[in-house]
Amino acid sequence: CCHRHDCCYDTAEKEGCNPKVQRYQWACEHNTVRCDNLTDRCEKMVCLCDQEAAKCWGAAPYNPHFILWPDFLCGQTHPTCH
């Protein structure tokens, strides 16, 4: 989930947005983040990144064992963005 979210933010940055500080209005309806009322391109792009991440994190198992897991223990190969 985190890797996909990072890739989505990378795409937003390439489009001239600043996703790490971009603020936007959002709503939650039926446990779903809603982005459809946003008209600003960057706000909508970042909201959609966060919406997909929220869905992914909501469905993913959580293992507190990995909370402070150092990156170097993940191996030499790293997934790339598509």
Protein backbone atom coordinates (compact mmCIF):
# COMPACT_ATOMS: atom_id res chain seq x y z
CA CYS A 1 0.00 0.00 0.00
CA CYS A 2 2.74 2.45 0.95
CA HIS A 3 4.72 1.82 -2.23
CA ARG A 4 1.68 2.39 -4.44
CA HIS A 5 0.86 5.56 -2.49
CA ASP A 6 4.44 6.81 -2.93
CA CYS A 7 4.24 6.10 -6.68
CA CYS A 8 0.95 7.96 -6.91
CA TYR A 9 2.49 10.95 -5.13
CA ASP A 10 5.49 10.76 -7.50
CA THR A 11 3.09 11.00 -10.44
CA ALA A 12 1.38 13.99 -8.86
CA GLU A 13 4.76 15.68 -8.37
CA LYS A 14 5.65 15.08 -12.02
CA GLU A 15 2.37 16.81 -12.91
CA GLY A 16 3.49 19.88 -10.94
CA CYS A 17 1.56 19.19 -7.74
CA ASN A 18 2.96 19.14 -4.21
CA PRO A 19 1.13 16.15 -2.68
CA LYS A 20 2.89 16.12 0.68
CA VAL A 21 1.53 19.55 1.60
CA GLN A 22 -1.52 19.79 -0.68
CA ARG A 23 -4.68 20.42 1.33
CA TYR A 24 -8.10 19.49 0.06
CA GLN A 25 -11.65 19.13 1.30
CA TRP A 26 -12.85 15.56 1.47
CA ALA A 27 -15.85 13.73 2.73
CA CYS A 28 -16.40 10.25 4.05
CA GLU A 29 -19.59 8.53 2.99
CA HIS A 30 -20.34 4.89 3.82
CA ASN A 31 -16.72 4.38 4.95
CA THR A 32 -15.40 5.69 1.62
CA VAL A 33 -13.34 8.81 0.99
CA ARG A 34 -15.12 10.99 -1.58
CA CYS A 35 -13.10 13.16 -3.97
CA ASP A 36 -15.67 13.79 -6.70
CA ASN A 37 -16.56 17.37 -5.67
CA LEU A 38 -13.00 18.62 -6.10
CA THR A 39 -12.36 20.79 -9.15
CA ASP A 40 -8.69 21.69 -8.62
CA ARG A 41 -6.56 19.22 -10.61
CA CYS A 42 -3.87 18.80 -7.93
CA GLU A 43 -6.35 18.51 -5.06
CA LYS A 44 -8.26 15.83 -6.93
CA MET A 45 -5.09 13.94 -7.89
CA VAL A 46 -3.81 13.87 -4.29
CA CYS A 47 -7.23 12.97 -2.90
CA LEU A 48 -7.46 10.02 -5.30
CA CYS A 49 -3.99 8.85 -4.21
CA ASP A 50 -5.08 9.02 -0.58
CA GLN A 51 -8.43 7.38 -1.37
CA GLU A 52 -6.73 4.37 -2.96
CA ALA A 53 -4.26 4.13 -0.07
CA ALA A 54 -7.08 4.21 2.48
CA LYS A 55 -8.84 1.35 0.66
CA CYS A 56 -5.61 -0.65 0.53
CA TRP A 57 -4.73 -0.07 4.19
CA GLY A 58 -8.29 -0.89 5.20
CA ALA A 59 -8.06 -4.28 3.51
CA ALA A 60 -4.45 -5.11 4.47
CA PRO A 61 -3.44 -7.05 7.57
CA TYR A 62 -1.49 -5.08 10.16
CA ASN A 63 1.59 -6.58 11.79
CA PRO A 64 3.08 -4.36 14.54
CA HIS A 65 6.30 -6.41 14.30
CA PHE A 66 7.24 -4.37 11.20
CA ILE A 67 6.47 -0.89 12.57
CA LEU A 68 10.13 0.17 12.88
CA TRP A 69 11.55 -2.33 10.38
CA PRO A 70 14.68 -0.86 8.76
CA ASP A 71 14.71 -0.62 4.95
CA PHE A 72 18.05 -2.44 4.61
CA LEU A 73 16.40 -5.64 5.87
CA CYS A 74 13.95 -5.60 2.96
CA GLY A 75 16.58 -6.85 0.49
CA GLN A 76 18.40 -5.36 -2.47
CA THR A 77 15.56 -5.34 -4.98
CA HIS A 78 12.91 -2.68 -4.66
CA PRO A 79 9.61 -2.50 -6.51
CA THR A 80 9.38 0.14 -9.21
CA CYS A 81 6.49 2.40 -10.12
CA HIS A 82 4.58 1.55 -13.29
